[in-house]
Amino acid sequence: MTMDLFAYLHTALLVIQRGISVIGIFIILSGVIIAMSQFAVFLIKGELVTHSAKINSIRLNLGRILILGLEFIVAADLIGTTT
């Protein structure tokens, strides 16, 4: 009886782990897509040389999104390690 409970708990934690990993991957992919689209618009407008502060803003936002996505992936790894 207790082995069945532990098996269900282990399976549930694996599903949660994979779900959190997928969320982290989607966060990173969406951040990269957003940053690339912002940069492409900036490049097409020809404002790349004149507005370097905007480029830094795009890089900063991308960095924040990457950190958030990596935090999700690390949390999933911690769940996997404890199971």
N, C-alpha and C. Protein backbone atom coordinates (compact mmCIF):
# COMPACT_ATOMS: atom_id res chain seq x y z
N MET A 1 0.82 -1.20 0.00
CA MET A 1 0.00 0.00 0.00
C MET A 1 0.86 1.27 0.00
N THR A 2 1.88 1.30 0.87
CA THR A 2 2.73 2.49 0.91
C THR A 2 3.62 2.59 -0.33
N MET A 3 3.96 1.46 -0.92
CA MET A 3 4.77 1.51 -2.15
C MET A 3 3.97 2.13 -3.29
N ASP A 4 2.68 1.83 -3.34
CA ASP A 4 1.84 2.45 -4.37
C ASP A 4 1.77 3.95 -4.17
N LEU A 5 1.66 4.39 -2.92
CA LEU A 5 1.59 5.81 -2.62
C LEU A 5 2.89 6.51 -3.04
N PHE A 6 4.03 5.89 -2.73
CA PHE A 6 5.31 6.47 -3.12
C PHE A 6 5.49 6.47 -4.64
N ALA A 7 5.00 5.46 -5.29
CA ALA A 7 5.09 5.42 -6.76
C ALA A 7 4.26 6.54 -7.38
N TYR A 8 3.06 6.76 -6.85
CA TYR A 8 2.21 7.85 -7.36
C TYR A 8 2.85 9.21 -7.07
N LEU A 9 3.42 9.35 -5.87
CA LEU A 9 4.07 10.60 -5.51
C LEU A 9 5.27 10.86 -6.42
N HIS A 10 6.05 9.84 -6.67
CA HIS A 10 7.22 9.97 -7.56
C HIS A 10 6.78 10.35 -8.97
N THR A 11 5.75 9.71 -9.46
CA THR A 11 5.24 10.03 -10.80
C THR A 11 4.72 11.47 -10.86
N ALA A 12 4.01 11.89 -9.82
CA ALA A 12 3.49 13.26 -9.79
C ALA A 12 4.64 14.28 -9.76
N LEU A 13 5.68 13.99 -8.98
CA LEU A 13 6.81 14.92 -8.93
C LEU A 13 7.56 14.97 -10.25
N LEU A 14 7.64 13.86 -10.95
CA LEU A 14 8.28 13.88 -12.28
C LEU A 14 7.48 14.72 -13.27
N VAL A 15 6.15 14.61 -13.21
CA VAL A 15 5.30 15.42 -14.09
C VAL A 15 5.46 16.89 -13.76
N ILE A 16 5.50 17.22 -12.47
CA ILE A 16 5.69 18.61 -12.04
C ILE A 16 7.05 19.11 -12.50
N GLN A 17 8.08 18.28 -12.34
CA GLN A 17 9.43 18.66 -12.76
C GLN A 17 9.48 18.97 -14.24
N ARG A 18 8.92 18.11 -15.04
CA ARG A 18 8.94 18.34 -16.49
C ARG A 18 8.11 19.56 -16.88
N GLY A 19 7.00 19.76 -16.19
CA GLY A 19 6.17 20.93 -16.46
C GLY A 19 6.91 22.23 -16.17
N ILE A 20 7.62 22.26 -15.04
CA ILE A 20 8.38 23.46 -14.70
C ILE A 20 9.52 23.67 -15.69
N SER A 21 10.15 22.60 -16.13
CA SER A 21 11.21 22.73 -17.14
C SER A 21 10.67 23.30 -18.44
N VAL A 22 9.52 22.82 -18.86
CA VAL A 22 8.91 23.31 -20.10
C VAL A 22 8.54 24.79 -19.97
N ILE A 23 8.04 25.18 -18.80
CA ILE A 23 7.72 26.59 -18.58
C ILE A 23 8.98 27.44 -18.71
N GLY A 24 10.09 26.98 -18.12
CA GLY A 24 11.35 27.71 -18.22
C GLY A 24 11.84 27.83 -19.65
N ILE A 25 11.68 26.76 -20.42
CA ILE A 25 12.09 26.79 -21.83
C ILE A 25 11.23 27.77 -22.62
N PHE A 26 9.92 27.77 -22.36
CA PHE A 26 9.04 28.71 -23.06
C PHE A 26 9.36 30.16 -22.69
N ILE A 27 9.70 30.40 -21.44
CA ILE A 27 10.06 31.76 -21.02
C ILE A 27 11.31 32.22 -21.78
N ILE A 28 12.31 31.35 -21.85
CA ILE A 28 13.55 31.71 -22.55
C ILE A 28 13.29 31.92 -24.04
N LEU A 29 12.55 31.02 -24.66
CA LEU A 29 12.27 31.17 -26.09
C LEU A 29 11.47 32.43 -26.39
N SER A 30 10.48 32.73 -25.56
CA SER A 30 9.69 33.94 -25.79
C SER A 30 10.54 35.18 -25.62
N GLY A 31 11.44 35.17 -24.63
CA GLY A 31 12.33 36.32 -24.44
C GLY A 31 13.26 36.55 -25.61
N VAL A 32 13.80 35.47 -26.14
CA VAL A 32 14.68 35.59 -27.30
C VAL A 32 13.92 36.10 -28.51
N ILE A 33 12.71 35.58 -28.72
CA ILE A 33 11.91 36.03 -29.85
C ILE A 33 11.55 37.51 -29.72
N ILE A 34 11.17 37.93 -28.52
CA ILE A 34 10.83 39.34 -28.30
C ILE A 34 12.04 40.22 -28.54
N ALA A 35 13.20 39.83 -27.98
CA ALA A 35 14.41 40.64 -28.16
C ALA A 35 14.83 40.71 -29.63
N MET A 36 14.73 39.59 -30.34
CA MET A 36 15.09 39.60 -31.75
C MET A 36 14.14 40.48 -32.56
N SER A 37 12.86 40.44 -32.23
CA SER A 37 11.91 41.28 -32.97
C SER A 37 12.13 42.76 -32.66
N GLN A 38 12.41 43.09 -31.40
CA GLN A 38 12.70 44.49 -31.07
C GLN A 38 13.96 44.97 -31.79
N PHE A 39 14.97 44.12 -31.81
CA PHE A 39 16.21 44.49 -32.49
C PHE A 39 16.00 44.63 -33.99
N ALA A 40 15.20 43.73 -34.59
CA ALA A 40 14.93 43.81 -36.02
C ALA A 40 14.20 45.10 -36.37
N VAL A 41 13.22 45.47 -35.56
CA VAL A 41 12.50 46.73 -35.80
C VAL A 41 13.46 47.90 -35.70
N PHE A 42 14.31 47.87 -34.70
CA PHE A 42 15.29 48.93 -34.50
C PHE A 42 16.27 49.00 -35.66
N LEU A 43 16.66 47.83 -36.17
CA LEU A 43 17.59 47.77 -37.29
C LEU A 43 16.94 48.27 -38.58
N ILE A 44 15.69 47.89 -38.80
CA ILE A 44 14.98 48.30 -40.01
C ILE A 44 14.75 49.81 -40.03
N LYS A 45 14.46 50.39 -38.87
CA LYS A 45 14.24 51.83 -38.80
C LYS A 45 15.52 52.62 -39.01
N GLY A 46 16.65 51.95 -38.90
CA GLY A 46 17.93 52.64 -39.09
C GLY A 46 18.39 53.43 -37.89
N GLU A 47 17.87 53.13 -36.73
CA GLU A 47 18.22 53.87 -35.52
C GLU A 47 19.27 53.13 -34.69
N LEU A 48 19.95 52.20 -35.29
CA LEU A 48 20.90 51.38 -34.55
C LEU A 48 22.08 52.19 -34.03
N VAL A 49 22.58 53.12 -34.83
CA VAL A 49 23.76 53.89 -34.46
C VAL A 49 23.41 55.04 -33.53
N THR A 50 22.25 55.64 -33.74
CA THR A 50 21.94 56.87 -33.01
C THR A 50 21.36 56.63 -31.62
N HIS A 51 20.78 55.48 -31.35
CA HIS A 51 20.13 55.23 -30.05
C HIS A 51 20.71 53.98 -29.38
N SER A 52 21.93 54.11 -28.87
CA SER A 52 22.56 52.95 -28.25
C SER A 52 21.92 52.60 -26.92
N ALA A 53 21.25 53.56 -26.27
CA ALA A 53 20.59 53.28 -25.00
C ALA A 53 19.44 52.30 -25.19
N LYS A 54 18.77 52.36 -26.31
CA LYS A 54 17.68 51.43 -26.58
C LYS A 54 18.22 50.01 -26.75
N ILE A 55 19.36 49.86 -27.37
CA ILE A 55 19.98 48.54 -27.52
C ILE A 55 20.32 47.97 -26.15
N ASN A 56 20.84 48.82 -25.27
CA ASN A 56 21.15 48.37 -23.92
C ASN A 56 19.88 47.95 -23.17
N SER A 57 18.80 48.63 -23.43
CA SER A 57 17.53 48.27 -22.80
C SER A 57 17.05 46.91 -23.29
N ILE A 58 17.20 46.66 -24.57
CA ILE A 58 16.81 45.35 -25.12
C ILE A 58 17.68 44.26 -24.51
N ARG A 59 18.97 44.49 -24.39
CA ARG A 59 19.87 43.50 -23.80
C ARG A 59 19.54 43.26 -22.33
N LEU A 60 19.23 44.32 -21.60
CA LEU A 60 18.89 44.18 -20.19
C LEU A 60 17.62 43.38 -20.00
N ASN A 61 16.61 43.66 -20.81
CA ASN A 61 15.36 42.91 -20.73
C ASN A 61 15.56 41.44 -21.09
N LEU A 62 16.37 41.19 -22.10
CA LEU A 62 16.67 39.80 -22.46
C LEU A 62 17.39 39.09 -21.32
N GLY A 63 18.33 39.75 -20.69
CA GLY A 63 19.03 39.17 -19.56
C GLY A 63 18.10 38.81 -18.42
N ARG A 64 17.15 39.69 -18.14
CA ARG A 64 16.17 39.42 -17.08
C ARG A 64 15.31 38.21 -17.41
N ILE A 65 14.90 38.11 -18.65
CA ILE A 65 14.06 36.99 -19.06
C ILE A 65 14.86 35.69 -19.02
N LEU A 66 16.12 35.74 -19.45
CA LEU A 66 16.96 34.55 -19.40
C LEU A 66 17.15 34.07 -17.96
N ILE A 67 17.37 35.00 -17.05
CA ILE A 67 17.54 34.63 -15.65
C ILE A 67 16.26 34.01 -15.10
N LEU A 68 15.12 34.57 -15.44
CA LEU A 68 13.85 34.02 -14.97
C LEU A 68 13.66 32.59 -15.50
N GLY A 69 13.92 32.39 -16.77
CA GLY A 69 13.78 31.05 -17.35
C GLY A 69 14.75 30.06 -16.72
N LEU A 70 15.98 30.50 -16.48
CA LEU A 70 16.96 29.62 -15.86
C LEU A 70 16.59 29.28 -14.42
N GLU A 71 15.94 30.20 -13.72
CA GLU A 71 15.48 29.91 -12.37
C GLU A 71 14.43 28.80 -12.37
N PHE A 72 13.55 28.82 -13.36
CA PHE A 72 12.57 27.74 -13.47
C PHE A 72 13.26 26.41 -13.74
N ILE A 73 14.25 26.43 -14.62
CA ILE A 73 14.95 25.19 -14.95
C ILE A 73 15.73 24.66 -13.75
N VAL A 74 16.35 25.54 -12.99
CA VAL A 74 17.07 25.12 -11.79
C VAL A 74 16.09 24.56 -10.76
N ALA A 75 14.93 25.18 -10.62
CA ALA A 75 13.92 24.66 -9.69
C ALA A 75 13.49 23.26 -10.10
N ALA A 76 13.32 23.04 -11.40
CA ALA A 76 12.94 21.71 -11.88
C ALA A 76 14.06 20.70 -11.59
N ASP A 77 15.31 21.11 -11.76
CA ASP A 77 16.42 20.22 -11.46
C ASP A 77 16.47 19.88 -9.97
N LEU A 78 16.16 20.85 -9.13
CA LEU A 78 16.13 20.58 -7.69
C LEU A 78 15.03 19.57 -7.34
N ILE A 79 13.90 19.70 -7.97
CA ILE A 79 12.82 18.73 -7.74
C ILE A 79 13.25 17.34 -8.20
N GLY A 80 13.92 17.29 -9.35
CA GLY A 80 14.41 16.01 -9.86
C GLY A 80 15.48 15.41 -8.97
N THR A 81 16.31 16.24 -8.39
CA THR A 81 17.37 15.75 -7.50
C THR A 81 16.79 15.18 -6.21
N THR A 82 15.76 15.80 -5.70
CA THR A 82 15.19 15.33 -4.44
C THR A 82 14.34 14.07 -4.62
N THR A 83 13.92 13.80 -5.83
CA THR A 83 13.12 12.58 -6.02
C THR A 83 14.05 11.49 -6.36
